[in-house]
C-alpha atoms as a PDB file:
ATOM      1  CA  MET A   1       0.000   0.000   0.000  1.00  0.00           C
ATOM      2  CA  PRO A   2       1.406   3.452  -0.852  1.00  0.00           C
ATOM      3  CA  ASN A   3       2.233   6.041   1.785  1.00  0.00           C
ATOM      4  CA  LYS A   4      -0.613   7.930   3.405  1.00  0.00           C
ATOM      5  CA  PRO A   5      -1.743  11.011   1.532  1.00  0.00           C
ATOM      6  CA  ILE A   6      -0.032  14.220   2.549  1.00  0.00           C
ATOM      7  CA  ASP A   7      -3.367  15.618   3.793  1.00  0.00           C
ATOM      8  CA  ASP A   8      -3.423  13.090   6.645  1.00  0.00           C
ATOM      9  CA  LYS A   9       0.066  14.175   7.699  1.00  0.00           C
ATOM     10  CA  ILE A  10      -0.890  17.863   7.631  1.00  0.00           C
ATOM     11  CA  LEU A  11      -4.012  17.195   9.699  1.00  0.00           C
ATOM     12  CA  THR A  12      -2.038  15.120  12.214  1.00  0.00           C
ATOM     13  CA  ASP A  13       0.653  17.787  12.484  1.00  0.00           C
ATOM     14  CA  ALA A  14      -1.966  20.522  12.943  1.00  0.00           C
ATOM     15  CA  VAL A  15      -3.777  18.598  15.685  1.00  0.00           C
ATOM     16  CA  ASN A  16      -0.494  17.935  17.491  1.00  0.00           C
ATOM     17  CA  GLU A  17       0.522  21.591  17.185  1.00  0.00           C
ATOM     18  CA  VAL A  18      -2.820  22.792  18.590  1.00  0.00           C
ATOM     19  CA  LYS A  19      -2.537  20.315  21.482  1.00  0.00           C
ATOM     20  CA  ASP A  20       0.967  21.579  22.264  1.00  0.00           C
ATOM     21  CA  MET A  21      -0.238  25.177  22.080  1.00  0.00           C
ATOM     22  CA  ALA A  22      -3.075  24.359  24.497  1.00  0.00           C
ATOM     23  CA  LYS A  23      -0.656  22.741  26.965  1.00  0.00           C
ATOM     24  CA  GLU A  24       1.993  25.462  26.865  1.00  0.00           C
ATOM     25  CA  GLY A  25      -0.202  28.515  26.350  1.00  0.00           C
ATOM     26  CA  LEU A  26       1.576  31.685  25.240  1.00  0.00           C
ATOM     27  CA  ALA A  27       4.963  30.097  25.995  1.00  0.00           C
ATOM     28  CA  HIS A  28       4.599  27.966  22.857  1.00  0.00           C
ATOM     29  CA  PRO A  29       6.334  29.565  19.847  1.00  0.00           C
ATOM     30  CA  SER A  30       3.274  29.153  17.598  1.00  0.00           C
ATOM     31  CA  SER A  31       0.721  30.730  19.938  1.00  0.00           C
ATOM     32  CA  LYS A  32       1.454  34.396  19.333  1.00  0.00           C
ATOM     33  CA  PRO A  33       1.680  34.208  15.513  1.00  0.00           C
ATOM     34  CA  VAL A  34      -1.584  32.236  15.340  1.00  0.00           C
ATOM     35  CA  ILE A  35      -3.366  34.705  17.637  1.00  0.00           C
ATOM     36  CA  ILE A  36      -2.058  37.662  15.627  1.00  0.00           C
ATOM     37  CA  GLY A  37      -3.089  35.971  12.367  1.00  0.00           C
ATOM     38  CA  GLY A  38      -6.579  35.408  13.738  1.00  0.00           C
ATOM     39  CA  ALA A  39      -6.868  39.028  14.857  1.00  0.00           C
ATOM     40  CA  LEU A  40      -5.670  40.323  11.500  1.00  0.00           C
ATOM     41  CA  GLY A  41      -8.105  38.027   9.702  1.00  0.00           C
ATOM     42  CA  ALA A  42     -10.981  39.293  11.843  1.00  0.00           C
ATOM     43  CA  VAL A  43     -10.062  42.931  11.163  1.00  0.00           C
ATOM     44  CA  ALA A  44      -9.697  42.279   7.440  1.00  0.00           C
ATOM     45  CA  ALA A  45     -13.057  40.509   7.366  1.00  0.00           C
ATOM     46  CA  GLY A  46     -14.632  43.461   9.155  1.00  0.00           C
ATOM     47  CA  LEU A  47     -13.546  45.673   6.282  1.00  0.00           C
ATOM     48  CA  LEU A  48     -15.008  43.369   3.634  1.00  0.00           C
ATOM     49  CA  PRO A  49     -18.774  43.456   3.090  1.00  0.00           C
ATOM     50  CA  VAL A  50     -19.190  39.756   2.228  1.00  0.00           C
ATOM     51  CA  VAL A  51     -17.118  38.024   4.933  1.00  0.00           C
ATOM     52  CA  THR A  52     -18.034  38.128   8.639  1.00  0.00           C
ATOM     53  CA  TRP A  53     -15.411  38.542  11.348  1.00  0.00           C
ATOM     54  CA  PRO A  54     -15.673  34.962  12.731  1.00  0.00           C
ATOM     55  CA  ILE A  55     -14.852  33.578   9.287  1.00  0.00           C
ATOM     56  CA  GLY A  56     -11.924  35.990   9.027  1.00  0.00           C
ATOM     57  CA  LEU A  57     -10.731  34.986  12.492  1.00  0.00           C
ATOM     58  CA  VAL A  58     -10.743  31.283  11.645  1.00  0.00           C
ATOM     59  CA  ALA A  59      -9.192  31.876   8.230  1.00  0.00           C
ATOM     60  CA  GLY A  60      -6.402  34.075   9.624  1.00  0.00           C
ATOM     61  CA  ALA A  61      -5.605  31.715  12.491  1.00  0.00           C
ATOM     62  CA  GLY A  62      -5.772  28.688  10.181  1.00  0.00           C
ATOM     63  CA  PHE A  63      -3.433  30.305   7.677  1.00  0.00           C
ATOM     64  CA  MET A  64      -0.866  31.169  10.343  1.00  0.00           C
ATOM     65  CA  LEU A  65      -1.114  27.663  11.831  1.00  0.00           C
ATOM     66  CA  TYR A  66      -0.496  26.224   8.380  1.00  0.00           C
ATOM     67  CA  LYS A  67       2.530  28.516   7.899  1.00  0.00           C
ATOM     68  CA  ARG A  68       3.910  27.374  11.275  1.00  0.00           C
ATOM     69  CA  ILE A  69       3.674  23.644  10.479  1.00  0.00           C
ATOM     70  CA  ARG A  70       4.601  23.987   6.763  1.00  0.00           C
ATOM     71  CA  PRO A  71       6.969  26.974   6.434  1.00  0.00           C
END
């Protein structure tokens, strides 16, 4: 059987990273960039008429999380 698809590895890495961030809080190196990314996404979504701020928050935080696990 071939190797698992890369999507499974990304999902596993993201879950592990979020668990580590939850354990360590702001001491974890990924916490601050993900929080800032979420805040910037929420602000950007507030400026756009189609996207609501919760969607921007999740998108910004998700993007920064992705950039932390796959630089």
